[in-house]
Amino acid sequence: MLHEPAPQTQERDHALAAKAKLGVRLFWAYCLVYAGFVVINTVDPELMESEILLGQNLAVVYGLGLILLAIVLGLAYNRMCTRLEDTMRADAEKGE
């Protein structure tokens, strides 16, 4: 599934508000997970030294998890925005 470039027309983006709301929600979800990382480092930094997975400590596993989460959220945002655009474009065309 490829995402085409944005059209260069003056067509109104009917999904703009919904996409912005979705983006803010995903941002705050990521912020909560990242805040957990910061809290652990602040409250109990020794906990980050404990081995968790395949000999790696919690700091490495959590850090890589944050990177992977950002990628997954970005891909999910793209997919959900594409669906919103397609749905709202179809609805707008029906209404015309």
N, C-alpha and C. Protein backbone atom coordinates (compact mmCIF):
# COMPACT_ATOMS: atom_id res chain seq x y z
N MET A 1 0.85 -1.17 0.00
CA MET A 1 0.00 0.00 0.00
C MET A 1 0.89 1.23 0.00
N LEU A 2 0.85 1.99 -1.07
CA LEU A 2 1.66 3.19 -1.18
C LEU A 2 0.82 4.42 -0.89
N HIS A 3 1.46 5.38 -0.32
CA HIS A 3 0.79 6.64 -0.03
C HIS A 3 1.25 7.64 -1.07
N GLU A 4 0.32 8.15 -1.83
CA GLU A 4 0.65 9.08 -2.89
C GLU A 4 0.99 10.45 -2.32
N PRO A 5 1.73 11.25 -3.07
CA PRO A 5 2.03 12.62 -2.61
C PRO A 5 0.75 13.42 -2.47
N ALA A 6 0.79 14.41 -1.61
CA ALA A 6 -0.37 15.26 -1.41
C ALA A 6 -0.70 15.99 -2.71
N PRO A 7 -1.97 16.10 -3.04
CA PRO A 7 -2.33 16.81 -4.27
C PRO A 7 -2.00 18.29 -4.16
N GLN A 8 -1.68 18.90 -5.28
CA GLN A 8 -1.31 20.31 -5.31
C GLN A 8 -2.52 21.20 -5.56
N THR A 9 -3.71 20.67 -5.40
CA THR A 9 -4.92 21.46 -5.62
C THR A 9 -5.32 22.17 -4.34
N GLN A 10 -6.31 22.99 -4.45
CA GLN A 10 -6.82 23.72 -3.28
C GLN A 10 -7.95 22.95 -2.60
N GLU A 11 -7.99 21.64 -2.84
CA GLU A 11 -9.03 20.80 -2.26
C GLU A 11 -8.94 20.83 -0.74
N ARG A 12 -10.08 20.92 -0.11
CA ARG A 12 -10.13 20.97 1.36
C ARG A 12 -9.85 19.59 1.93
N ASP A 13 -9.03 19.54 2.97
CA ASP A 13 -8.74 18.28 3.65
C ASP A 13 -9.79 18.07 4.73
N HIS A 14 -10.78 17.25 4.43
CA HIS A 14 -11.88 17.02 5.37
C HIS A 14 -11.43 16.25 6.61
N ALA A 15 -10.31 15.59 6.54
CA ALA A 15 -9.83 14.77 7.65
C ALA A 15 -8.83 15.52 8.54
N LEU A 16 -8.58 16.78 8.26
CA LEU A 16 -7.54 17.52 8.97
C LEU A 16 -7.74 17.53 10.48
N ALA A 17 -8.93 17.85 10.94
CA ALA A 17 -9.18 17.92 12.38
C ALA A 17 -9.03 16.55 13.04
N ALA A 18 -9.55 15.52 12.38
CA ALA A 18 -9.45 14.17 12.94
C ALA A 18 -8.00 13.70 12.98
N LYS A 19 -7.22 14.04 11.94
CA LYS A 19 -5.81 13.64 11.91
C LYS A 19 -5.02 14.36 12.99
N ALA A 20 -5.32 15.62 13.21
CA ALA A 20 -4.63 16.38 14.26
C ALA A 20 -4.95 15.80 15.63
N LYS A 21 -6.21 15.48 15.86
CA LYS A 21 -6.62 14.90 17.14
C LYS A 21 -5.94 13.55 17.38
N LEU A 22 -5.88 12.74 16.33
CA LEU A 22 -5.21 11.44 16.42
C LEU A 22 -3.72 11.62 16.72
N GLY A 23 -3.09 12.56 16.04
CA GLY A 23 -1.67 12.82 16.26
C GLY A 23 -1.37 13.25 17.69
N VAL A 24 -2.22 14.08 18.25
CA VAL A 24 -2.04 14.53 19.63
C VAL A 24 -2.21 13.37 20.60
N ARG A 25 -3.19 12.52 20.34
CA ARG A 25 -3.40 11.35 21.22
C ARG A 25 -2.20 10.41 21.19
N LEU A 26 -1.67 10.15 20.00
CA LEU A 26 -0.51 9.26 19.90
C LEU A 26 0.72 9.90 20.55
N PHE A 27 0.85 11.21 20.41
CA PHE A 27 1.95 11.93 21.05
C PHE A 27 1.89 11.77 22.56
N TRP A 28 0.71 11.94 23.15
CA TRP A 28 0.59 11.82 24.61
C TRP A 28 0.79 10.37 25.06
N ALA A 29 0.37 9.41 24.26
CA ALA A 29 0.62 8.00 24.60
C ALA A 29 2.11 7.74 24.66
N TYR A 30 2.85 8.25 23.68
CA TYR A 30 4.30 8.07 23.67
C TYR A 30 4.93 8.81 24.86
N CYS A 31 4.43 9.99 25.15
CA CYS A 31 4.96 10.76 26.28
C CYS A 31 4.81 10.00 27.60
N LEU A 32 3.70 9.30 27.77
CA LEU A 32 3.51 8.52 29.00
C LEU A 32 4.53 7.41 29.12
N VAL A 33 4.79 6.72 28.03
CA VAL A 33 5.78 5.64 28.06
C VAL A 33 7.18 6.23 28.32
N TYR A 34 7.49 7.34 27.67
CA TYR A 34 8.79 7.99 27.87
C TYR A 34 8.91 8.52 29.30
N ALA A 35 7.82 9.03 29.85
CA ALA A 35 7.84 9.51 31.23
C ALA A 35 8.19 8.38 32.19
N GLY A 36 7.72 7.17 31.88
CA GLY A 36 8.09 6.01 32.71
C GLY A 36 9.59 5.79 32.72
N PHE A 37 10.22 5.96 31.56
CA PHE A 37 11.67 5.83 31.45
C PHE A 37 12.37 6.88 32.31
N VAL A 38 11.90 8.11 32.25
CA VAL A 38 12.49 9.20 33.02
C VAL A 38 12.28 8.98 34.52
N VAL A 39 11.10 8.54 34.90
CA VAL A 39 10.81 8.31 36.32
C VAL A 39 11.71 7.21 36.88
N ILE A 40 11.87 6.12 36.14
CA ILE A 40 12.73 5.04 36.62
C ILE A 40 14.16 5.56 36.80
N ASN A 41 14.64 6.33 35.84
CA ASN A 41 16.00 6.86 35.93
C ASN A 41 16.16 7.85 37.08
N THR A 42 15.10 8.54 37.42
CA THR A 42 15.16 9.52 38.50
C THR A 42 15.02 8.87 39.87
N VAL A 43 14.05 7.98 40.00
CA VAL A 43 13.72 7.39 41.30
C VAL A 43 14.65 6.25 41.67
N ASP A 44 14.93 5.37 40.72
CA ASP A 44 15.74 4.18 41.02
C ASP A 44 16.68 3.87 39.85
N PRO A 45 17.74 4.65 39.69
CA PRO A 45 18.62 4.44 38.54
C PRO A 45 19.32 3.09 38.55
N GLU A 46 19.48 2.47 39.71
CA GLU A 46 20.11 1.16 39.77
C GLU A 46 19.26 0.11 39.08
N LEU A 47 17.96 0.33 39.04
CA LEU A 47 17.05 -0.61 38.39
C LEU A 47 17.38 -0.72 36.89
N MET A 48 17.86 0.35 36.32
CA MET A 48 18.22 0.33 34.89
C MET A 48 19.40 -0.58 34.61
N GLU A 49 20.18 -0.91 35.62
CA GLU A 49 21.34 -1.78 35.44
C GLU A 49 20.98 -3.26 35.46
N SER A 50 19.76 -3.59 35.89
CA SER A 50 19.38 -5.00 36.01
C SER A 50 19.19 -5.63 34.63
N GLU A 51 19.68 -6.88 34.52
CA GLU A 51 19.56 -7.61 33.26
C GLU A 51 18.11 -8.05 33.05
N ILE A 52 17.62 -7.81 31.86
CA ILE A 52 16.22 -8.09 31.57
C ILE A 52 16.07 -9.15 30.48
N LEU A 53 16.71 -8.93 29.33
CA LEU A 53 16.47 -9.77 28.16
C LEU A 53 17.78 -10.05 27.44
N LEU A 54 18.11 -11.32 27.29
CA LEU A 54 19.30 -11.75 26.55
C LEU A 54 20.57 -11.06 27.02
N GLY A 55 20.68 -10.88 28.32
CA GLY A 55 21.87 -10.26 28.89
C GLY A 55 21.92 -8.75 28.80
N GLN A 56 20.86 -8.14 28.26
CA GLN A 56 20.82 -6.68 28.14
C GLN A 56 20.12 -6.09 29.36
N ASN A 57 20.60 -4.91 29.77
CA ASN A 57 19.99 -4.29 30.93
C ASN A 57 18.71 -3.55 30.54
N LEU A 58 17.97 -3.14 31.57
CA LEU A 58 16.69 -2.48 31.35
C LEU A 58 16.84 -1.20 30.55
N ALA A 59 17.90 -0.47 30.74
CA ALA A 59 18.10 0.79 30.02
C ALA A 59 18.16 0.55 28.51
N VAL A 60 18.90 -0.46 28.09
CA VAL A 60 19.02 -0.77 26.66
C VAL A 60 17.69 -1.27 26.11
N VAL A 61 17.06 -2.19 26.83
CA VAL A 61 15.79 -2.76 26.36
C VAL A 61 14.71 -1.68 26.29
N TYR A 62 14.61 -0.86 27.32
CA TYR A 62 13.60 0.21 27.35
C TYR A 62 13.90 1.23 26.25
N GLY A 63 15.15 1.59 26.08
CA GLY A 63 15.52 2.56 25.05
C GLY A 63 15.20 2.06 23.66
N LEU A 64 15.55 0.81 23.37
CA LEU A 64 15.20 0.25 22.06
C LEU A 64 13.69 0.12 21.90
N GLY A 65 13.02 -0.19 23.01
CA GLY A 65 11.56 -0.26 22.97
C GLY A 65 10.94 1.10 22.63
N LEU A 66 11.53 2.16 23.16
CA LEU A 66 11.03 3.50 22.84
C LEU A 66 11.22 3.82 21.36
N ILE A 67 12.35 3.43 20.81
CA ILE A 67 12.59 3.67 19.39
C ILE A 67 11.60 2.87 18.54
N LEU A 68 11.43 1.60 18.87
CA LEU A 68 10.48 0.77 18.13
C LEU A 68 9.05 1.27 18.27
N LEU A 69 8.70 1.72 19.47
CA LEU A 69 7.36 2.26 19.69
C LEU A 69 7.12 3.49 18.82
N ALA A 70 8.12 4.36 18.71
CA ALA A 70 7.99 5.55 17.87
C ALA A 70 7.76 5.16 16.41
N ILE A 71 8.47 4.14 15.94
CA ILE A 71 8.30 3.68 14.56
C ILE A 71 6.91 3.09 14.36
N VAL A 72 6.49 2.25 15.29
CA VAL A 72 5.17 1.62 15.19
C VAL A 72 4.06 2.67 15.24
N LEU A 73 4.18 3.64 16.13
CA LEU A 73 3.17 4.69 16.22
C LEU A 73 3.14 5.53 14.94
N GLY A 74 4.30 5.79 14.36
CA GLY A 74 4.35 6.52 13.10
C GLY A 74 3.66 5.77 11.97
N LEU A 75 3.93 4.48 11.88
CA LEU A 75 3.29 3.66 10.85
C LEU A 75 1.78 3.56 11.09
N ALA A 76 1.39 3.40 12.34
CA ALA A 76 -0.04 3.33 12.67
C ALA A 76 -0.73 4.66 12.34
N TYR A 77 -0.06 5.76 12.64
CA TYR A 77 -0.62 7.08 12.34
C TYR A 77 -0.82 7.23 10.83
N ASN A 78 0.16 6.83 10.06
CA ASN A 78 0.06 6.93 8.60
C ASN A 78 -1.12 6.10 8.09
N ARG A 79 -1.23 4.89 8.58
CA ARG A 79 -2.31 4.01 8.11
C ARG A 79 -3.69 4.55 8.51
N MET A 80 -3.80 5.02 9.76
CA MET A 80 -5.09 5.54 10.21
C MET A 80 -5.46 6.83 9.48
N CYS A 81 -4.47 7.68 9.21
CA CYS A 81 -4.74 8.92 8.47
C CYS A 81 -5.18 8.63 7.05
N THR A 82 -4.56 7.65 6.42
CA THR A 82 -4.95 7.28 5.06
C THR A 82 -6.39 6.79 5.05
N ARG A 83 -6.76 5.98 6.02
CA ARG A 83 -8.14 5.50 6.10
C ARG A 83 -9.11 6.66 6.33
N LEU A 84 -8.74 7.59 7.23
CA LEU A 84 -9.59 8.75 7.48
C LEU A 84 -9.77 9.58 6.21
N GLU A 85 -8.67 9.83 5.51
CA GLU A 85 -8.75 10.60 4.28
C GLU A 85 -9.65 9.93 3.25
N ASP A 86 -9.46 8.63 3.07
CA ASP A 86 -10.27 7.90 2.09
C ASP A 86 -11.75 7.91 2.46
N THR A 87 -12.04 7.68 3.74
CA THR A 87 -13.43 7.66 4.20
C THR A 87 -14.08 9.02 4.05
N MET A 88 -13.39 10.05 4.49
CA MET A 88 -13.99 11.38 4.44
C MET A 88 -14.07 11.92 3.01
N ARG A 89 -13.13 11.54 2.16
CA ARG A 89 -13.20 11.94 0.75
C ARG A 89 -14.41 11.28 0.09
N ALA A 90 -14.62 10.00 0.40
CA ALA A 90 -15.78 9.28 -0.16
C ALA A 90 -17.08 9.89 0.34
N ASP A 91 -17.14 10.23 1.63
CA ASP A 91 -18.33 10.85 2.19
C ASP A 91 -18.60 12.22 1.56
N ALA A 92 -17.53 12.99 1.33
CA ALA A 92 -17.68 14.31 0.72
C ALA A 92 -18.16 14.19 -0.72
N GLU A 93 -17.68 13.18 -1.44
CA GLU A 93 -18.10 12.98 -2.82
C GLU A 93 -19.55 12.53 -2.90
N LYS A 94 -20.00 11.77 -1.93
CA LYS A 94 -21.42 11.35 -1.89
C LYS A 94 -22.33 12.53 -1.64
N GLY A 95 -21.84 13.47 -0.81
CA GLY A 95 -22.64 14.64 -0.47
C GLY A 95 -22.74 15.66 -1.57
N GLU A 96 -21.85 15.58 -2.54
CA GLU A 96 -21.84 16.59 -3.62
C GLU A 96 -22.87 16.32 -4.67
